[in-house]
C-alpha atoms as a PDB file:
ATOM      1  CA  MET A   1      53.471 118.698 110.955  1.00  0.00           C
ATOM      2  CA  SER A   2      53.702 115.880 113.443  1.00  0.00           C
ATOM      3  CA  LEU A   3      54.902 116.421 116.972  1.00  0.00           C
ATOM      4  CA  ARG A   4      57.894 114.136 116.483  1.00  0.00           C
ATOM      5  CA  LYS A   5      59.003 115.938 113.308  1.00  0.00           C
ATOM      6  CA  ALA A   6      58.652 119.379 114.904  1.00  0.00           C
ATOM      7  CA  LEU A   7      60.665 118.358 117.964  1.00  0.00           C
ATOM      8  CA  THR A   8      63.309 116.681 115.792  1.00  0.00           C
ATOM      9  CA  GLU A   9      63.758 119.821 113.686  1.00  0.00           C
ATOM     10  CA  LEU A  10      64.022 121.926 116.836  1.00  0.00           C
ATOM     11  CA  LYS A  11      66.645 119.574 118.309  1.00  0.00           C
ATOM     12  CA  GLU A  12      68.628 119.687 115.060  1.00  0.00           C
ATOM     13  CA  ALA A  13      68.594 123.503 115.138  1.00  0.00           C
ATOM     14  CA  PHE A  14      69.834 123.426 118.742  1.00  0.00           C
ATOM     15  CA  ASP A  15      72.552 120.863 117.967  1.00  0.00           C
ATOM     16  CA  ALA A  16      73.713 122.930 114.982  1.00  0.00           C
ATOM     17  CA  GLY A  17      74.041 126.003 117.213  1.00  0.00           C
ATOM     18  CA  PHE A  18      71.318 128.084 115.560  1.00  0.00           C
ATOM     19  CA  ILE A  19      69.482 128.565 118.879  1.00  0.00           C
ATOM     20  CA  ASN A  20      70.577 128.601 122.498  1.00  0.00           C
ATOM     21  CA  GLN A  21      69.309 126.481 125.400  1.00  0.00           C
ATOM     22  CA  ARG A  22      66.700 129.021 126.557  1.00  0.00           C
ATOM     23  CA  GLU A  23      65.237 129.374 123.025  1.00  0.00           C
ATOM     24  CA  TYR A  24      65.249 125.602 122.659  1.00  0.00           C
ATOM     25  CA  ASP A  25      63.360 125.068 125.930  1.00  0.00           C
ATOM     26  CA  SER A  26      60.867 127.836 125.166  1.00  0.00           C
ATOM     27  CA  ASN A  27      60.163 126.602 121.629  1.00  0.00           C
ATOM     28  CA  ARG A  28      59.910 123.007 122.813  1.00  0.00           C
ATOM     29  CA  ARG A  29      57.289 123.936 125.413  1.00  0.00           C
ATOM     30  CA  GLY A  30      55.422 125.968 122.787  1.00  0.00           C
ATOM     31  CA  ILE A  31      55.373 123.089 120.306  1.00  0.00           C
ATOM     32  CA  ILE A  32      54.127 120.642 122.926  1.00  0.00           C
ATOM     33  CA  ASP A  33      51.481 123.093 124.207  1.00  0.00           C
ATOM     34  CA  GLN A  34      50.251 123.722 120.641  1.00  0.00           C
ATOM     35  CA  TRP A  35      50.048 119.973 119.986  1.00  0.00           C
ATOM     36  CA  ILE A  36      48.090 119.405 123.212  1.00  0.00           C
ATOM     37  CA  SER A  37      45.651 122.220 122.401  1.00  0.00           C
ATOM     38  CA  GLN A  38      45.072 120.724 118.938  1.00  0.00           C
ATOM     39  CA  LEU A  39      44.294 117.373 120.517  1.00  0.00           C
ATOM     40  CA  GLN A  40      41.913 118.944 123.015  1.00  0.00           C
ATOM     41  CA  SER A  41      40.046 120.829 120.286  1.00  0.00           C
ATOM     42  CA  LYS A  42      39.226 117.630 118.370  1.00  0.00           C
ATOM     43  CA  PRO A  43      35.974 115.955 119.404  1.00  0.00           C
ATOM     44  CA  LEU A  44      36.333 112.427 120.675  1.00  0.00           C
ATOM     45  CA  THR A  45      34.535 110.011 118.419  1.00  0.00           C
ATOM     46  CA  PRO A  46      34.394 106.298 119.042  1.00  0.00           C
ATOM     47  CA  GLN A  47      36.333 104.292 116.513  1.00  0.00           C
ATOM     48  CA  THR A  48      34.108 101.787 114.785  1.00  0.00           C
ATOM     49  CA  PRO A  49      35.807  98.847 113.139  1.00  0.00           C
ATOM     50  CA  ALA A  50      35.528  98.601 109.391  1.00  0.00           C
ATOM     51  CA  PRO A  51      33.060  95.991 108.241  1.00  0.00           C
ATOM     52  CA  SER A  52      34.745  92.853 107.030  1.00  0.00           C
ATOM     53  CA  PRO A  53      34.277  92.119 103.354  1.00  0.00           C
ATOM     54  CA  ALA A  54      31.901  89.318 102.471  1.00  0.00           C
ATOM     55  CA  PRO A  55      33.556  86.078 101.419  1.00  0.00           C
ATOM     56  CA  PRO A  56      33.625  85.535  97.657  1.00  0.00           C
ATOM     57  CA  THR A  57      30.628  83.781  96.224  1.00  0.00           C
ATOM     58  CA  LEU A  58      30.906  80.538  94.310  1.00  0.00           C
ATOM     59  CA  TRP A  59      30.468  82.449  91.029  1.00  0.00           C
ATOM     60  CA  GLU A  60      33.267  84.907  91.901  1.00  0.00           C
ATOM     61  CA  ARG A  61      35.588  82.021  92.763  1.00  0.00           C
ATOM     62  CA  PHE A  62      34.733  80.347  89.448  1.00  0.00           C
ATOM     63  CA  LEU A  63      35.499  83.572  87.547  1.00  0.00           C
ATOM     64  CA  ASP A  64      38.846  83.909  89.349  1.00  0.00           C
ATOM     65  CA  MET A  65      39.753  80.338  88.421  1.00  0.00           C
ATOM     66  CA  ALA A  66      38.723  80.963  84.799  1.00  0.00           C
ATOM     67  CA  ARG A  67      40.845  84.125  84.612  1.00  0.00           C
ATOM     68  CA  SER A  68      43.816  82.278  86.084  1.00  0.00           C
ATOM     69  CA  PHE A  69      43.389  79.439  83.599  1.00  0.00           C
ATOM     70  CA  LYS A  70      43.165  81.932  80.715  1.00  0.00           C
ATOM     71  CA  ARG A  71      46.404  83.683  81.799  1.00  0.00           C
ATOM     72  CA  LYS A  72      48.261  80.374  82.106  1.00  0.00           C
ATOM     73  CA  LEU A  73      46.995  79.227  78.712  1.00  0.00           C
ATOM     74  CA  GLU A  74      48.048  82.517  77.085  1.00  0.00           C
ATOM     75  CA  ASP A  75      51.508  82.221  78.664  1.00  0.00           C
ATOM     76  CA  ARG A  76      51.936  78.665  77.369  1.00  0.00           C
ATOM     77  CA  ILE A  77      50.836  79.655  73.872  1.00  0.00           C
ATOM     78  CA  LYS A  78      53.326  82.558  73.876  1.00  0.00           C
ATOM     79  CA  GLU A  79      56.107  80.213  75.055  1.00  0.00           C
ATOM     80  CA  PHE A  80      55.242  77.725  72.319  1.00  0.00           C
ATOM     81  CA  PHE A  81      55.349  80.326  69.547  1.00  0.00           C
ATOM     82  CA  ASN A  82      58.516  81.926  70.944  1.00  0.00           C
ATOM     83  CA  LYS A  83      60.226  78.505  70.874  1.00  0.00           C
ATOM     84  CA  LEU A  84      58.855  77.849  67.382  1.00  0.00           C
ATOM     85  CA  ILE A  85      60.090  81.206  66.058  1.00  0.00           C
ATOM     86  CA  GLY A  86      63.398  80.936  67.922  1.00  0.00           C
ATOM     87  CA  GLN A  87      64.289  77.589  66.272  1.00  0.00           C
END
């Protein structure tokens, strides 16, 4: 559970009257202390950026254009036959 969600649920319980001010303060400190200890227990690792994908090759671009042309041609053929059948 995230820190924000835990604190929000605790605040909602306090606002609804399920817990008093002392319980709210105690639980809030406990949640924050637990969150801090979890952060401290995780090893720090440097974030490496994800490698950028290689640009498409000429062949890949040609295949994309061919697929696009095929879809457009199929759509036009369907339109033609739908108009022919509809008349």
